[in-house]
Amino acid sequence: MNRILPEGIKHVFLEDCGYDNAYEWVIKGLIPKNGITLLYGASGCGKTFATTHIALCVASGSDFLRHKVQRSGKVIYIAAESPESFKRRVAIMRDFDKIAYRDYKFTGKEISIYEGNIDLFGYPDAVLFAIRAYHDRILDDGEVVLVIIDTLSAAYAGIDENSVDMAIAVKHAKLIQDELKCAVLIVHHTGKDEDRGARGHSSLRGNVEQVIQIKGLHNPRQLIVDKIKDEQLGDQCQFDLISINIGVDEEGEPMSGCLIQEAAFDAISRTAKEKLTDVGTIALKVFNESRGASDAISKDNYLKLLDTAYSHHIPKHRSTYINRGITQLISRNYIELNSKGEYVSV
């Protein structure tokens, strides 16, 4: 009897599997082409400015903080939180940061902004309907490659962040991804304890492909890859949030805005070490006890040793603590990953 696979299910033979092109990117190392990315940080860390900069870099094909934009095109920005602030912010970056966008002349159609009564939790079809209604217009000059949801709490009205509702949030974001065949970036907040990661239930982190943290309330801020499926952890870069004068208002008072600027790597002090939490202290102890005469330990060996060190945690949570420990040591300038794939002290 002939059987037909349900719609959406694909049959692939082992001989068709390869690894040479396993991962494709919108922004190399940061935003995968076919996945959901979570970007989070504390209030005041500059995450909304960084997200705006991401949108303009993807729209113009310009590098984002030394990370290559490999797939440029249209960006849809779901401005569920402070849409007027976003429109002002993106206009300032568009008009004043000519170097960052390779002197790209924006026509005004590269980024489509959605605002209003957005509820991706209870009524995701309404947002999809709005996107479909303007689909042809959006695609006049190119395909949509990135949808940004800013922020999770504002776009998903009524969601219980401390429950498996978070898995539903990712599922509904994937509806948009499947509709437009694009990447989706969700902007989120930390909880009261920043070291515990993004706010809410662990099902959020578990159901996305990539997690990026923005850390620090003063320059230089840090952008840290906190999770990526099948790829190397620990990538990080620094940026400054620069205040600029953009003119004067009707009363002659100066008006200002902000731009994202790459921070020099040497700007971070290598001598002053930020205090570690318990998870970082364990990771540092393992590193200090295990590094060889060359002051280095291979990535694979370090991960194995950390798995033992965090054995008091249940197996399904252990990798999370390992990632947090390594990320904390890197972000606080205790260790770094060299070109040989070894962790070395800073």
Protein backbone atom coordinates (compact mmCIF):
# COMPACT_ATOMS: atom_id res chain seq x y z
CA MET A 1 0.00 0.00 0.00
CA ASN A 2 1.36 3.44 -0.95
CA ARG A 3 1.77 5.83 1.95
CA ILE A 4 2.04 9.58 1.59
CA LEU A 5 4.00 11.55 4.16
CA PRO A 6 2.02 14.30 5.90
CA GLU A 7 2.68 17.81 4.60
CA GLY A 8 5.84 19.31 6.05
CA ILE A 9 7.57 15.98 6.75
CA LYS A 10 10.62 15.19 4.61
CA HIS A 11 12.32 11.86 3.92
CA VAL A 12 16.14 12.04 3.76
CA PHE A 13 18.55 9.15 3.23
CA LEU A 14 21.81 8.94 5.16
CA GLU A 15 23.74 9.28 1.89
CA ASP A 16 22.25 12.77 1.47
CA CYS A 17 23.65 13.98 4.83
CA GLY A 18 26.82 16.09 4.93
CA TYR A 19 28.64 18.52 7.16
CA ASP A 20 30.31 20.91 4.73
CA ASN A 21 27.31 23.23 4.64
CA ALA A 22 25.55 22.25 7.86
CA TYR A 23 25.12 25.80 9.12
CA GLU A 24 24.12 28.88 7.19
CA TRP A 25 24.08 32.34 8.70
CA VAL A 26 22.44 35.74 8.43
CA ILE A 27 25.23 37.14 10.63
CA LYS A 28 28.20 34.75 10.82
CA GLY A 29 28.44 33.16 14.26
CA LEU A 30 25.51 35.12 15.69
CA ILE A 31 22.21 34.67 13.85
CA PRO A 32 21.57 31.39 11.99
CA LYS A 33 19.61 31.56 8.75
CA ASN A 34 17.10 28.86 9.66
CA GLY A 35 16.58 29.25 13.36
CA ILE A 36 15.26 31.25 16.29
CA THR A 37 17.81 33.41 18.14
CA LEU A 38 17.26 34.81 21.63
CA LEU A 39 19.08 38.03 22.55
CA TYR A 40 18.78 39.09 26.17
CA GLY A 41 20.25 41.47 28.70
CA ALA A 42 19.49 43.62 31.72
CA SER A 43 17.68 46.95 31.43
CA GLY A 44 20.15 49.64 30.39
CA CYS A 45 22.70 47.29 28.80
CA GLY A 46 22.05 48.65 25.30
CA LYS A 47 20.32 45.59 23.83
CA THR A 48 17.69 47.61 21.95
CA PHE A 49 20.41 49.80 20.41
CA ALA A 50 22.39 46.68 19.46
CA THR A 51 19.24 45.14 17.96
CA THR A 52 18.56 48.28 15.93
CA HIS A 53 22.15 48.19 14.69
CA ILE A 54 21.69 44.52 13.73
CA ALA A 55 18.61 45.46 11.69
CA LEU A 56 20.46 48.18 9.77
CA CYS A 57 23.54 46.00 9.20
CA VAL A 58 21.42 43.18 7.75
CA ALA A 59 19.45 45.68 5.62
CA SER A 60 22.65 47.19 4.20
CA GLY A 61 24.84 44.09 4.11
CA SER A 62 27.42 45.69 6.41
CA ASP A 63 29.44 43.84 9.03
CA PHE A 64 28.07 43.82 12.57
CA LEU A 65 30.90 44.30 15.08
CA ARG A 66 33.35 42.38 12.87
CA HIS A 67 30.82 39.61 12.27
CA LYS A 68 30.11 39.25 8.56
CA VAL A 69 26.56 39.65 7.30
CA GLN A 70 26.28 36.69 4.96
CA ARG A 71 22.65 37.15 3.96
CA SER A 72 21.37 40.69 3.60
CA GLY A 73 17.89 41.87 2.69
CA LYS A 74 14.62 43.07 4.14
CA VAL A 75 14.08 43.22 7.90
CA ILE A 76 10.72 43.18 9.65
CA TYR A 77 10.81 44.78 13.09
CA ILE A 78 7.86 43.93 15.37
CA ALA A 79 8.06 46.93 17.69
CA ALA A 80 5.80 45.75 20.49
CA GLU A 81 7.69 47.74 23.12
CA SER A 82 8.10 51.52 22.68
CA PRO A 83 7.61 51.69 18.88
CA GLU A 84 8.05 55.48 18.80
CA SER A 85 11.40 55.14 20.56
CA PHE A 86 12.47 52.52 18.05
CA LYS A 87 11.51 54.68 15.06
CA ARG A 88 13.53 57.58 16.48
CA ARG A 89 16.49 55.33 17.26
CA VAL A 90 16.62 53.68 13.84
CA ALA A 91 16.32 57.07 12.09
CA ILE A 92 19.28 58.45 14.05
CA MET A 93 21.46 55.44 13.27
CA ARG A 94 20.41 55.52 9.63
CA ASP A 95 21.23 59.20 9.18
CA PHE A 96 24.31 59.66 11.34
CA ASP A 97 26.39 56.48 11.18
CA LYS A 98 27.54 56.46 7.56
CA ILE A 99 30.73 54.47 8.27
CA ALA A 100 28.93 51.57 9.96
CA TYR A 101 26.66 50.99 6.94
CA ARG A 102 29.31 51.48 4.24
CA ASP A 103 27.76 54.78 3.21
CA TYR A 104 24.69 52.80 2.19
CA LYS A 105 21.88 55.09 1.09
CA PHE A 106 18.70 53.82 2.73
CA THR A 107 15.53 54.21 0.68
CA GLY A 108 13.28 53.74 3.70
CA LYS A 109 11.87 50.40 2.55
CA GLU A 110 14.63 48.14 3.86
CA ILE A 111 13.02 47.84 7.29
CA SER A 112 9.26 47.36 7.79
CA ILE A 113 7.96 48.22 11.25
CA TYR A 114 4.90 46.60 12.80
CA GLU A 115 3.27 48.18 15.84
CA GLY A 116 -0.12 48.30 17.52
CA ASN A 117 -2.08 45.58 19.30
CA ILE A 118 0.44 42.78 18.89
CA ASP A 119 -0.29 39.50 20.66
CA LEU A 120 1.88 36.69 19.34
CA PHE A 121 0.84 34.44 22.22
CA GLY A 122 -2.95 34.52 21.97
CA TYR A 123 -3.39 35.59 18.34
CA PRO A 124 -0.30 34.78 16.27
CA ASP A 125 -2.45 34.49 13.14
CA ALA A 126 -3.30 38.21 13.39
CA VAL A 127 0.37 39.13 13.05
CA LEU A 128 0.79 36.65 10.20
CA PHE A 129 -2.25 38.18 8.48
CA ALA A 130 -0.71 41.66 8.78
CA ILE A 131 2.54 40.40 7.28
CA ARG A 132 0.74 38.60 4.45
CA ALA A 133 -1.32 41.73 3.70
CA TYR A 134 1.87 43.63 2.87
CA HIS A 135 3.91 40.68 1.69
CA ASP A 136 4.17 41.73 -1.95
CA ARG A 137 5.03 45.30 -1.01
CA ILE A 138 7.75 44.15 1.40
CA LEU A 139 9.27 41.88 -1.24
CA ASP A 140 9.32 44.49 -4.03
CA ASP A 141 13.09 44.94 -3.73
CA GLY A 142 14.21 41.70 -2.13
CA GLU A 143 13.38 38.90 0.28
CA VAL A 144 12.82 39.17 4.02
CA VAL A 145 15.81 37.65 5.79
CA LEU A 146 15.22 38.65 9.42
CA VAL A 147 12.24 39.29 11.70
CA ILE A 148 12.95 40.93 15.07
CA ILE A 149 10.46 40.62 17.95
CA ASP A 150 11.05 43.38 20.52
CA THR A 151 10.38 42.37 23.27
CA LEU A 152 9.09 38.92 24.22
CA SER A 153 7.08 40.21 27.19
CA ALA A 154 5.49 43.01 25.14
CA ALA A 155 4.73 40.94 22.04
CA TYR A 156 3.28 37.93 23.89
CA ALA A 157 0.50 39.44 25.97
CA GLY A 158 -0.64 37.32 28.91
CA ILE A 159 2.24 34.85 28.72
CA ASP A 160 3.34 33.14 31.93
CA GLU A 161 7.12 33.42 31.59
CA ASN A 162 7.71 30.91 34.37
CA SER A 163 5.87 28.07 32.63
CA VAL A 164 6.07 26.03 29.45
CA ASP A 165 4.26 28.95 27.81
CA MET A 166 7.79 29.92 26.78
CA ALA A 167 7.97 26.90 24.47
CA ILE A 168 4.71 28.09 22.88
CA ALA A 169 6.28 31.53 22.38
CA VAL A 170 9.08 29.97 20.34
CA LYS A 171 6.58 27.82 18.43
CA HIS A 172 4.60 30.91 17.42
CA ALA A 173 7.80 32.70 16.38
CA LYS A 174 8.51 29.72 14.16
CA LEU A 175 5.18 30.27 12.41
CA ILE A 176 6.59 33.58 11.18
CA GLN A 177 9.87 31.91 10.27
CA ASP A 178 8.09 29.25 8.24
CA GLU A 179 5.89 31.85 6.52
CA LEU A 180 8.79 34.02 5.34
CA LYS A 181 11.59 31.40 5.26
CA CYS A 182 13.75 33.72 7.33
CA ALA A 183 15.60 34.03 10.63
CA VAL A 184 13.82 35.30 13.76
CA LEU A 185 15.44 37.23 16.61
CA ILE A 186 13.57 37.56 19.94
CA VAL A 187 14.65 40.30 22.37
CA HIS A 188 14.24 39.46 26.05
CA HIS A 189 15.27 40.53 29.56
CA THR A 190 17.29 38.96 32.36
CA GLY A 191 15.71 38.15 35.70
CA LYS A 192 16.75 39.61 39.04
CA ASP A 193 19.87 37.44 39.03
CA GLU A 194 21.70 38.23 35.79
CA ASP A 195 23.97 35.21 36.17
CA ARG A 196 20.97 32.88 35.87
CA GLY A 197 20.46 33.94 32.28
CA ALA A 198 17.34 34.98 30.42
CA ARG A 199 14.21 35.51 32.50
CA GLY A 200 11.64 32.75 32.72
CA HIS A 201 11.22 29.02 32.19
CA SER A 202 14.09 26.92 30.83
CA SER A 203 11.91 25.79 27.90
CA LEU A 204 12.67 29.15 26.22
CA ARG A 205 16.40 28.49 26.12
CA GLY A 206 15.86 24.85 25.26
CA ASN A 207 13.76 25.56 22.16
CA VAL A 208 15.88 28.18 20.41
CA GLU A 209 18.95 27.58 18.24
CA GLN A 210 21.05 30.47 19.50
CA VAL A 211 21.31 32.53 22.68
CA ILE A 212 23.19 35.83 22.88
CA GLN A 213 23.72 37.85 26.04
CA ILE A 214 24.53 41.55 26.19
CA LYS A 215 26.29 42.31 29.42
CA GLY A 216 27.34 45.51 31.17
CA LEU A 217 25.73 48.85 31.97
CA HIS A 218 28.79 50.92 31.06
CA ASN A 219 31.23 50.99 28.13
CA PRO A 220 32.56 48.72 26.90
CA ARG A 221 29.53 46.44 26.80
CA GLN A 222 29.97 42.78 25.90
CA LEU A 223 28.07 40.65 23.43
CA ILE A 224 28.51 36.99 24.35
CA VAL A 225 27.38 33.84 22.53
CA ASP A 226 25.75 31.91 25.36
CA LYS A 227 24.44 28.95 23.36
CA ILE A 228 24.59 27.68 19.82
CA LYS A 229 23.57 24.28 18.56
CA ASP A 230 26.40 22.22 17.01
CA GLU A 231 28.87 25.07 17.13
CA GLN A 232 31.60 26.52 19.34
CA LEU A 233 30.63 28.44 22.46
CA GLY A 234 32.31 31.45 23.96
CA ASP A 235 32.47 33.89 21.03
CA GLN A 236 32.33 37.46 22.27
CA CYS A 237 32.91 41.03 21.16
CA GLN A 238 32.76 44.44 22.78
CA PHE A 239 30.94 47.61 21.81
CA ASP A 240 30.45 51.13 23.10
CA LEU A 241 27.21 53.08 23.20
CA ILE A 242 28.18 56.56 22.02
CA SER A 243 26.04 59.65 22.64
CA ILE A 244 25.95 62.16 19.76
CA ASN A 245 24.36 65.56 19.17
CA ILE A 246 21.75 65.44 16.42
CA GLY A 247 20.65 69.08 16.41
CA VAL A 248 18.43 71.40 18.43
CA ASP A 249 14.72 71.34 19.18
CA GLU A 250 12.18 74.14 18.57
CA GLU A 251 13.31 75.87 21.75
CA GLY A 252 16.97 75.76 20.80
CA GLU A 253 17.82 73.00 23.27
CA PRO A 254 20.33 70.36 22.09
CA MET A 255 18.98 66.94 21.09
CA SER A 256 21.02 63.78 21.36
CA GLY A 257 20.96 60.18 20.25
CA CYS A 258 23.14 57.07 20.43
CA LEU A 259 25.23 55.03 18.03
CA ILE A 260 26.85 51.62 18.40
CA GLN A 261 30.63 51.66 18.02
CA GLU A 262 33.04 48.76 18.11
CA ALA A 263 35.14 48.84 21.26
CA ALA A 264 38.87 48.25 21.06
CA PHE A 265 39.76 44.82 22.46
CA ASP A 266 42.51 46.37 24.55
CA ALA A 267 40.02 48.74 26.17
CA ILE A 268 39.08 46.04 28.67
CA SER A 269 41.46 45.92 31.60
CA ARG A 270 43.26 42.61 31.83
CA THR A 271 44.26 43.14 35.44
CA ALA A 272 41.04 43.98 37.26
CA LYS A 273 39.06 40.77 37.52
CA GLU A 274 35.33 41.00 38.15
CA LYS A 275 34.19 38.81 41.04
CA LEU A 276 32.84 35.37 40.10
CA THR A 277 29.67 33.66 41.23
CA ASP A 278 29.70 30.04 42.44
CA VAL A 279 29.33 28.63 38.93
CA GLY A 280 32.31 30.66 37.70
CA THR A 281 34.42 29.82 40.76
CA ILE A 282 34.05 26.10 40.07
CA ALA A 283 35.00 26.56 36.40
CA LEU A 284 38.08 28.60 37.37
CA LYS A 285 39.18 26.04 39.95
CA VAL A 286 39.00 23.27 37.33
CA PHE A 287 40.97 25.39 34.86
CA ASN A 288 43.71 26.27 37.34
CA GLU A 289 44.11 22.66 38.48
CA SER A 290 44.15 21.20 34.97
CA ARG A 291 46.04 23.57 32.69
CA GLY A 292 49.38 22.28 31.47
CA ALA A 293 52.84 23.80 31.43
CA SER A 294 51.80 25.93 28.47
CA ASP A 295 49.07 27.49 30.63
CA ALA A 296 46.46 25.94 28.32
CA ILE A 297 43.87 23.16 28.28
CA SER A 298 42.12 21.81 25.21
CA LYS A 299 38.46 22.61 24.81
CA ASP A 300 37.42 18.92 24.81
CA ASN A 301 39.38 18.08 27.96
CA TYR A 302 38.05 21.14 29.75
CA LEU A 303 34.45 20.23 28.94
CA LYS A 304 34.96 16.67 30.23
CA LEU A 305 36.47 17.91 33.48
CA LEU A 306 33.67 20.43 33.97
CA ASP A 307 31.09 17.71 33.42
CA THR A 308 32.59 15.94 36.45
CA ALA A 309 32.87 19.15 38.46
CA TYR A 310 29.19 19.93 37.96
CA SER A 311 28.07 16.33 38.57
CA HIS A 312 25.99 17.48 41.55
CA HIS A 313 23.55 18.88 38.97
CA ILE A 314 21.19 16.51 37.17
CA PRO A 315 22.47 15.51 33.69
CA LYS A 316 19.90 17.47 31.67
CA HIS A 317 20.94 20.73 33.39
CA ARG A 318 24.67 20.07 33.53
CA SER A 319 25.52 21.46 30.09
CA THR A 320 23.76 24.71 31.01
CA TYR A 321 25.99 25.16 34.05
CA ILE A 322 29.10 24.25 32.04
CA ASN A 323 28.23 26.91 29.44
CA ARG A 324 27.55 29.50 32.14
CA GLY A 325 30.84 28.76 33.86
CA ILE A 326 32.90 29.11 30.68
CA THR A 327 30.98 32.18 29.52
CA GLN A 328 31.48 33.87 32.90
CA LEU A 329 35.24 33.25 32.86
CA ILE A 330 35.53 34.62 29.32
CA SER A 331 33.28 37.65 29.86
CA ARG A 332 35.12 38.56 33.08
CA ASN A 333 38.56 38.21 31.51
CA TYR A 334 39.88 35.13 33.29
CA ILE A 335 40.31 32.92 30.21
CA GLU A 336 40.00 33.06 26.43
CA LEU A 337 39.85 30.53 23.58
CA ASN A 338 42.90 30.66 21.30
CA SER A 339 43.25 29.73 17.63
CA LYS A 340 44.33 26.18 18.58
CA GLY A 341 41.05 25.46 20.31
CA GLU A 342 42.60 25.74 23.77
CA TYR A 343 41.44 27.73 26.77
CA VAL A 344 44.26 29.91 28.09
CA SER A 345 44.46 32.38 30.97
CA VAL A 346 44.20 36.10 30.22
